[in-house]
Structure formats: C-alpha cells, structure tokens
C-alpha cells in the first residue's frame, strides 16, 4: 500500500537543438540515460528517466530538439517534442546563452499557451557574463511571463539542485506510475543501439551520422557475458564504405569504444558484433520508421 501524500509526475524537457537538454536529463536522473554529442539531432526519441524516493517518483522525459523537418524521421522527432507539451505536469523549457531567443517562434507560442508550471532554464551561463544574463532574463520574462526562470549550467552542475527542489514542490500528489525500482521505460536493446549511434555521431562527418540507424538483432545474456549482434543501417553504398573504413578500421574503432561503454552501462563483459547494411532512403519510409519505434500519426 502506497503511503499518504506520495508525489508523482511527468517532468518533460523541451527546447531547441544543442541547448543541453540531454546533459540536463542525465544530471537530473543521476545516470547516463541520454546520449550526448555536440551535433544537433543527437536525441531522436522521447527517452524516459525515472527518479525514485519513498516519498516521490519523478518521471523525466528528454525530447529531440525542436526543428523544421526536412524528411519523415524529423517529422516524427518533432511530434515527440510536441507531445511532451501535452502530458507534462511540469515543463522544463531549456534555452542557453548562445541561441537566438526567437529561434523557434511557433513552438514557443505553444509553450506560452500552456496552463501548467513552466521552468525556463537558461543553460551554459559559464559562457556569458552577469550583464548579458540579466538582459536575457528580462527578455525571457517578457516572452514567458508565467514561467519561473533559472540560470543554470548542466555541465558544471550549477543550480541543478534548485531546479530539483522546485520540481519536487510542484509535483502533484499521486501514486507512482512505474515500479519503484525502474530507471527507464526503454528495453536494454534500446540503450545498446543508442550507445553505438552515439559513437557514430562522434566519429563520422557530414551527413553520415544522420543517415545511420542501429538495429540490435541479438541480445543474449549469459552468466558471465552478454552477446550482442547489431546492424548499422545506412542509406547508400558509399556510406557503407565510409562506415566500414579502410580494411574495416573505422568499424573496428567504433565497435571497440561502443563495447567499452556498453560494458560500463550493464556492468558486465560484452561480446559485440557489428555489421553494416544498406537500407535505401529509410528516413522517409513509414514502415522502416515504425519498425524503429518512431511514432507515426
């Protein structure tokens, strides 16, 4: 039986690409749930991270950066961000000291119309000064007068505790939505694929990382080891050659670093096999997007 006055709620993180949403998510959850690179569009799904305490359960949701879609995959990414406005108990709207305030007026207009607590987090304040920050706070207050504004640095863990405390105060009374030992709603295979994709974003240039999807075909957990077979999908034959590299060196490098991170994630020895396959124009194919877990309207 759940004790009285237990609090639970959905705290959704939204904002434009590259403002630090995934870094913030990992800080708030206390685990690396979302992959992080300096490239836009790193996050493609809504990723849930759950923080449990005897008195509360916070269900954080990291979302793709808001962008104007150029192909069907990006349309689905945008739908994840927009759906986060609909089911939040508390919304964390993340911006930073670098981006233009009017970068995405259409999405911001939707946030302005919300009737729920909005915490506006101005991230990366270590890259600004006091005067610039004060001007930014004034401008954001004009745009979102009902929002509470918190200057933060997710990377340096500055003022994250203030945000966490305020979230707790805003959580509604409710029983937990997930089991109390749950960390996320995603299966193990999802995180394997995300770690491999993170390495692809780090190692390959230009369009290559955005043309990649990772499918985990086999995940066999034995007593001492987890055996994983994954396929890296690309859209063209030329991309396949680049991903594999000369004598397979690029793929080998990616596999080695991914395996080390997967071992850290599962705290177990990993045997990882990687293959590369061409799946032409998968980013615009509804059946492919559906099979990869992207919601279709």
Protein backbone atom coordinates (compact mmCIF):
# COMPACT_ATOMS: atom_id res chain seq x y z
CA UNK A 1 0.00 0.00 0.00
CA UNK A 2 1.38 3.39 -1.02
CA UNK A 3 1.87 5.88 1.79
CA UNK A 4 -0.20 9.01 2.02
CA UNK A 5 0.98 12.23 0.33
CA UNK A 6 3.17 10.40 -2.16
CA UNK A 7 4.01 12.66 -5.13
CA UNK A 8 4.46 11.60 -8.74
CA UNK A 9 4.57 13.43 -12.01
CA UNK A 10 5.88 13.77 -15.54
CA UNK A 11 8.59 16.40 -15.96
CA UNK A 12 9.23 16.94 -19.67
CA UNK A 13 12.33 18.62 -21.09
CA UNK A 14 11.93 20.56 -24.34
CA UNK A 15 13.89 23.14 -26.32
CA UNK A 16 15.84 23.75 -29.50
CA UNK A 17 18.74 21.51 -30.62
CA UNK A 18 22.11 21.73 -28.82
CA UNK A 19 20.97 23.69 -25.74
CA UNK A 20 21.98 20.89 -23.34
CA UNK A 21 18.72 19.01 -22.76
CA UNK A 22 20.34 15.57 -22.64
CA UNK A 23 23.13 16.73 -20.33
CA UNK A 24 20.45 18.19 -18.05
CA UNK A 25 18.43 14.97 -18.21
CA UNK A 26 21.41 12.88 -17.14
CA UNK A 27 22.15 15.30 -14.28
CA UNK A 28 18.58 15.17 -13.00
CA UNK A 29 18.33 11.39 -13.24
CA UNK A 30 21.84 10.79 -11.91
CA UNK A 31 22.57 8.24 -14.66
CA UNK A 32 23.57 8.46 -18.31
CA UNK A 33 20.20 7.82 -19.91
CA UNK A 34 20.50 10.11 -22.95
CA UNK A 35 23.42 10.04 -25.37
CA UNK A 36 25.28 13.32 -25.75
CA UNK A 37 27.27 14.81 -28.61
CA UNK A 38 27.86 18.33 -29.87
CA UNK A 39 25.83 17.57 -33.01
CA UNK A 40 22.21 18.63 -33.40
CA UNK A 41 19.57 15.89 -33.63
CA UNK A 42 21.50 13.55 -31.33
CA UNK A 43 18.27 12.64 -29.50
CA UNK A 44 15.67 11.07 -31.79
CA UNK A 45 13.19 9.53 -29.34
CA UNK A 46 11.43 10.57 -26.17
CA UNK A 47 13.63 8.99 -23.53
CA UNK A 48 12.31 8.49 -20.01
CA UNK A 49 14.45 8.50 -16.87
CA UNK A 50 12.84 7.77 -13.51
CA UNK A 51 13.95 9.08 -10.11
CA UNK A 52 12.54 7.16 -7.16
CA UNK A 53 12.30 8.01 -3.48
CA UNK A 54 9.98 6.59 -0.78
CA UNK A 55 8.03 9.88 -0.91
CA UNK A 56 8.03 10.61 -4.65
CA UNK A 57 8.63 9.43 -8.20
CA UNK A 58 9.77 11.89 -10.90
CA UNK A 59 9.39 10.70 -14.49
CA UNK A 60 11.73 12.84 -16.59
CA UNK A 61 11.37 12.86 -20.37
CA UNK A 62 14.12 14.01 -22.74
CA UNK A 63 12.93 15.00 -26.21
CA UNK A 64 14.50 15.72 -29.62
CA UNK A 65 15.45 19.33 -30.30
CA UNK A 66 12.69 21.31 -31.99
CA UNK A 67 13.40 21.79 -35.69
CA UNK A 68 11.69 22.34 -39.04
CA UNK A 69 11.51 18.84 -40.55
CA UNK A 70 13.11 18.05 -43.91
CA UNK A 71 12.21 14.33 -44.02
CA UNK A 72 9.82 11.92 -42.29
CA UNK A 73 12.20 10.94 -39.49
CA UNK A 74 12.46 14.61 -38.47
CA UNK A 75 8.66 14.89 -38.60
CA UNK A 76 8.42 12.10 -36.05
CA UNK A 77 11.14 13.70 -33.91
CA UNK A 78 9.13 16.93 -33.87
CA UNK A 79 5.99 15.01 -32.89
CA UNK A 80 7.84 13.63 -29.84
CA UNK A 81 8.71 17.19 -28.76
CA UNK A 82 5.15 18.43 -29.29
CA UNK A 83 3.61 15.51 -27.42
CA UNK A 84 5.77 16.47 -24.42
CA UNK A 85 3.70 19.65 -24.12
CA UNK A 86 0.51 17.64 -23.79
CA UNK A 87 1.27 15.24 -20.95
CA UNK A 88 3.57 17.21 -18.65
CA UNK A 89 2.89 18.02 -15.01
CA UNK A 90 5.92 20.31 -15.07
CA UNK A 91 7.64 21.56 -18.23
CA UNK A 92 11.36 22.37 -18.35
CA UNK A 93 11.93 24.69 -21.31
CA UNK A 94 15.69 24.74 -21.90
CA UNK A 95 17.47 27.53 -23.73
CA UNK A 96 21.06 28.73 -23.47
CA UNK A 97 23.09 31.93 -23.58
CA UNK A 98 24.09 31.36 -27.22
CA UNK A 99 20.90 30.76 -29.20
CA UNK A 100 18.63 33.49 -30.51
CA UNK A 101 15.57 33.92 -28.34
CA UNK A 102 13.20 33.96 -31.32
CA UNK A 103 14.76 30.87 -32.91
CA UNK A 104 11.52 28.87 -32.96
CA UNK A 105 8.53 31.17 -32.55
CA UNK A 106 5.94 28.56 -33.49
CA UNK A 107 6.93 26.11 -30.77
CA UNK A 108 7.40 28.90 -28.23
CA UNK A 109 3.86 30.12 -28.94
CA UNK A 110 2.56 26.69 -27.91
CA UNK A 111 4.53 26.91 -24.66
CA UNK A 112 3.06 30.36 -23.99
CA UNK A 113 -0.46 28.92 -24.14
CA UNK A 114 0.19 26.14 -21.63
CA UNK A 115 -1.64 26.13 -18.32
CA UNK A 116 0.92 24.27 -16.25
CA UNK A 117 4.12 25.11 -14.34
CA UNK A 118 6.94 26.05 -16.72
CA UNK A 119 10.53 26.36 -15.52
CA UNK A 120 12.65 28.23 -18.05
CA UNK A 121 16.26 27.11 -17.71
CA UNK A 122 18.94 29.32 -19.24
CA UNK A 123 21.81 26.87 -19.67
CA UNK A 124 25.57 27.35 -20.24
CA UNK A 125 25.76 30.50 -18.11
CA UNK A 126 29.51 29.90 -17.74
CA UNK A 127 29.72 31.15 -21.36
CA UNK A 128 28.16 34.53 -20.51
CA UNK A 129 28.56 37.41 -18.06
CA UNK A 130 26.25 38.93 -15.47
CA UNK A 131 25.11 41.86 -17.59
CA UNK A 132 24.24 39.71 -20.63
CA UNK A 133 22.46 37.22 -18.41
CA UNK A 134 20.33 39.90 -16.76
CA UNK A 135 19.24 41.19 -20.18
CA UNK A 136 18.39 37.66 -21.23
CA UNK A 137 16.27 37.10 -18.13
CA UNK A 138 14.33 40.31 -18.86
CA UNK A 139 13.64 39.25 -22.47
CA UNK A 140 12.56 35.76 -21.49
CA UNK A 141 10.30 37.12 -18.76
CA UNK A 142 8.54 39.22 -21.42
CA UNK A 143 8.08 36.15 -23.64
CA UNK A 144 7.04 33.74 -20.88
CA UNK A 145 5.72 35.91 -18.04
CA UNK A 146 4.29 32.96 -16.08
CA UNK A 147 7.48 30.91 -16.25
CA UNK A 148 9.99 30.70 -13.40
CA UNK A 149 13.49 31.45 -14.70
CA UNK A 150 16.61 29.60 -13.53
CA UNK A 151 20.09 30.37 -14.91
CA UNK A 152 21.99 27.06 -14.80
CA UNK A 153 24.99 25.14 -16.07
CA UNK A 154 24.04 21.48 -16.57
CA UNK A 155 27.62 20.59 -17.49
CA UNK A 156 29.04 22.13 -14.30
CA UNK A 157 26.08 21.11 -12.10
CA UNK A 158 25.35 24.74 -11.21
CA UNK A 159 21.89 25.44 -9.68
CA UNK A 160 20.61 21.97 -10.66
CA UNK A 161 19.72 21.38 -7.00
CA UNK A 162 17.48 24.49 -7.02
CA UNK A 163 15.65 23.17 -10.07
CA UNK A 164 15.26 19.72 -8.48
CA UNK A 165 13.85 21.21 -5.27
CA UNK A 166 11.34 23.31 -7.19
CA UNK A 167 10.23 20.32 -9.24
CA UNK A 168 9.54 18.40 -6.03
CA UNK A 169 7.41 21.26 -4.73
CA UNK A 170 5.39 21.31 -7.97
CA UNK A 171 4.77 17.56 -8.22
CA UNK A 172 1.11 16.59 -7.73
CA UNK A 173 0.07 14.05 -5.11
CA UNK A 174 -0.21 10.72 -6.90
CA UNK A 175 0.81 7.07 -6.60
CA UNK A 176 3.86 6.07 -8.68
CA UNK A 177 3.39 5.47 -12.40
CA UNK A 178 6.17 2.87 -12.63
CA UNK A 179 7.65 0.24 -10.34
CA UNK A 180 9.82 1.80 -7.67
CA UNK A 181 13.00 0.14 -8.94
CA UNK A 182 12.50 1.29 -12.56
CA UNK A 183 15.09 3.61 -14.11
CA UNK A 184 13.53 3.92 -17.57
CA UNK A 185 10.73 2.55 -19.75
CA UNK A 186 13.13 1.53 -22.52
CA UNK A 187 14.44 -2.06 -23.01
CA UNK A 188 18.13 -2.97 -22.81
CA UNK A 189 18.43 -3.23 -26.60
CA UNK A 190 17.43 0.43 -26.95
CA UNK A 191 20.44 1.61 -24.92
CA UNK A 192 22.82 -0.66 -26.82
CA UNK A 193 21.62 0.89 -30.10
CA UNK A 194 21.86 4.42 -28.67
CA UNK A 195 25.44 3.91 -27.44
CA UNK A 196 26.52 2.61 -30.86
CA UNK A 197 24.75 5.52 -32.57
CA UNK A 198 26.47 7.98 -30.20
CA UNK A 199 29.86 6.71 -31.36
CA UNK A 200 28.79 7.08 -34.99
CA UNK A 201 27.83 10.70 -34.31
CA UNK A 202 31.25 11.29 -32.78
CA UNK A 203 33.36 9.54 -35.43
CA UNK A 204 31.71 10.25 -38.77
CA UNK A 205 31.30 13.59 -40.50
CA UNK A 206 28.70 15.48 -42.54
CA UNK A 207 25.56 13.52 -43.43
CA UNK A 208 26.84 10.06 -42.43
CA UNK A 209 25.74 10.01 -38.75
CA UNK A 210 22.26 11.32 -39.61
CA UNK A 211 21.83 8.54 -42.17
CA UNK A 212 22.58 5.85 -39.58
CA UNK A 213 20.15 3.73 -37.59
CA UNK A 214 21.20 0.85 -35.36
CA UNK A 215 19.21 -2.38 -35.00
CA UNK A 216 20.11 -4.86 -32.26
CA UNK A 217 19.35 -8.26 -33.77
CA UNK A 218 20.59 -10.40 -30.90
CA UNK A 219 20.96 -9.77 -27.17
CA UNK A 220 21.86 -12.93 -25.29
CA UNK A 221 22.60 -12.51 -21.60
CA UNK A 222 24.65 -15.32 -20.11
CA UNK A 223 26.05 -15.61 -16.59
CA UNK A 224 29.41 -14.00 -17.33
CA UNK A 225 28.82 -12.18 -20.61
CA UNK A 226 26.23 -10.52 -22.85
CA UNK A 227 26.49 -11.44 -26.53
CA UNK A 228 25.22 -8.71 -28.87
CA UNK A 229 24.85 -8.64 -32.63
CA UNK A 230 23.89 -5.27 -34.12
CA UNK A 231 23.40 -3.96 -37.64
CA UNK A 232 24.27 -0.40 -38.62
CA UNK A 233 21.91 0.71 -41.37
CA UNK A 234 22.91 3.39 -43.88
CA UNK A 235 21.09 4.79 -46.90
CA UNK A 236 23.71 4.41 -49.66
CA UNK A 237 26.54 2.10 -50.71
CA UNK A 238 29.07 4.94 -50.48
CA UNK A 239 28.06 5.49 -46.83
CA UNK A 240 28.57 1.80 -46.10
CA UNK A 241 32.14 2.06 -47.34
CA UNK A 242 32.85 5.08 -45.14
CA UNK A 243 31.34 3.45 -42.02
CA UNK A 244 33.44 0.31 -42.52
CA UNK A 245 36.59 2.24 -43.46
CA UNK A 246 39.87 1.04 -44.97
CA UNK A 247 40.32 -2.66 -44.10
CA UNK A 248 37.46 -2.32 -41.61
CA UNK A 249 39.41 0.06 -39.33
CA UNK A 250 36.62 2.63 -38.82
CA UNK A 251 34.03 -0.01 -37.87
CA UNK A 252 36.53 -1.71 -35.57
CA UNK A 253 37.25 1.58 -33.77
CA UNK A 254 33.55 2.30 -33.37
CA UNK A 255 32.91 -1.23 -32.08
CA UNK A 256 35.71 -1.10 -29.52
CA UNK A 257 34.64 2.19 -27.95
CA UNK A 258 30.95 1.23 -28.05
CA UNK A 259 31.69 -2.09 -26.36
CA UNK A 260 33.51 -0.35 -23.50
CA UNK A 261 30.57 1.99 -22.89
CA UNK A 262 28.07 -0.89 -23.09
CA UNK A 263 30.15 -2.79 -20.53
CA UNK A 264 30.01 0.21 -18.21
CA UNK A 265 26.25 0.54 -18.74
CA UNK A 266 25.46 -3.12 -17.95
CA UNK A 267 28.44 -3.69 -15.60
CA UNK A 268 29.17 -6.93 -17.43
CA UNK A 269 31.54 -8.27 -20.09
CA UNK A 270 30.24 -7.70 -23.63
CA UNK A 271 30.87 -9.55 -26.88
CA UNK A 272 29.81 -7.19 -29.67
CA UNK A 273 29.47 -8.00 -33.38
CA UNK A 274 28.73 -5.15 -35.79
CA UNK A 275 27.60 -5.37 -39.40
CA UNK A 276 26.75 -2.64 -41.93
CA UNK A 277 23.78 -2.88 -44.30
CA UNK A 278 22.29 -0.52 -46.89
CA UNK A 279 18.58 0.27 -46.47
CA UNK A 280 17.88 2.88 -49.11
CA UNK A 281 16.08 6.08 -48.00
CA UNK A 282 14.98 4.55 -44.67
CA UNK A 283 14.44 8.02 -43.14
CA UNK A 284 11.46 8.60 -45.46
CA UNK A 285 9.92 5.12 -45.31
CA UNK A 286 6.95 4.77 -42.94
CA UNK A 287 7.35 1.03 -42.45
CA UNK A 288 11.04 1.41 -41.53
CA UNK A 289 10.38 4.29 -39.13
CA UNK A 290 7.62 2.31 -37.44
CA UNK A 291 9.88 -0.73 -37.01
CA UNK A 292 12.49 1.53 -35.35
CA UNK A 293 9.97 2.76 -32.77
CA UNK A 294 9.24 6.21 -34.18
CA UNK A 295 5.61 7.11 -33.65
CA UNK A 296 3.51 7.60 -36.76
CA UNK A 297 0.44 9.85 -36.61
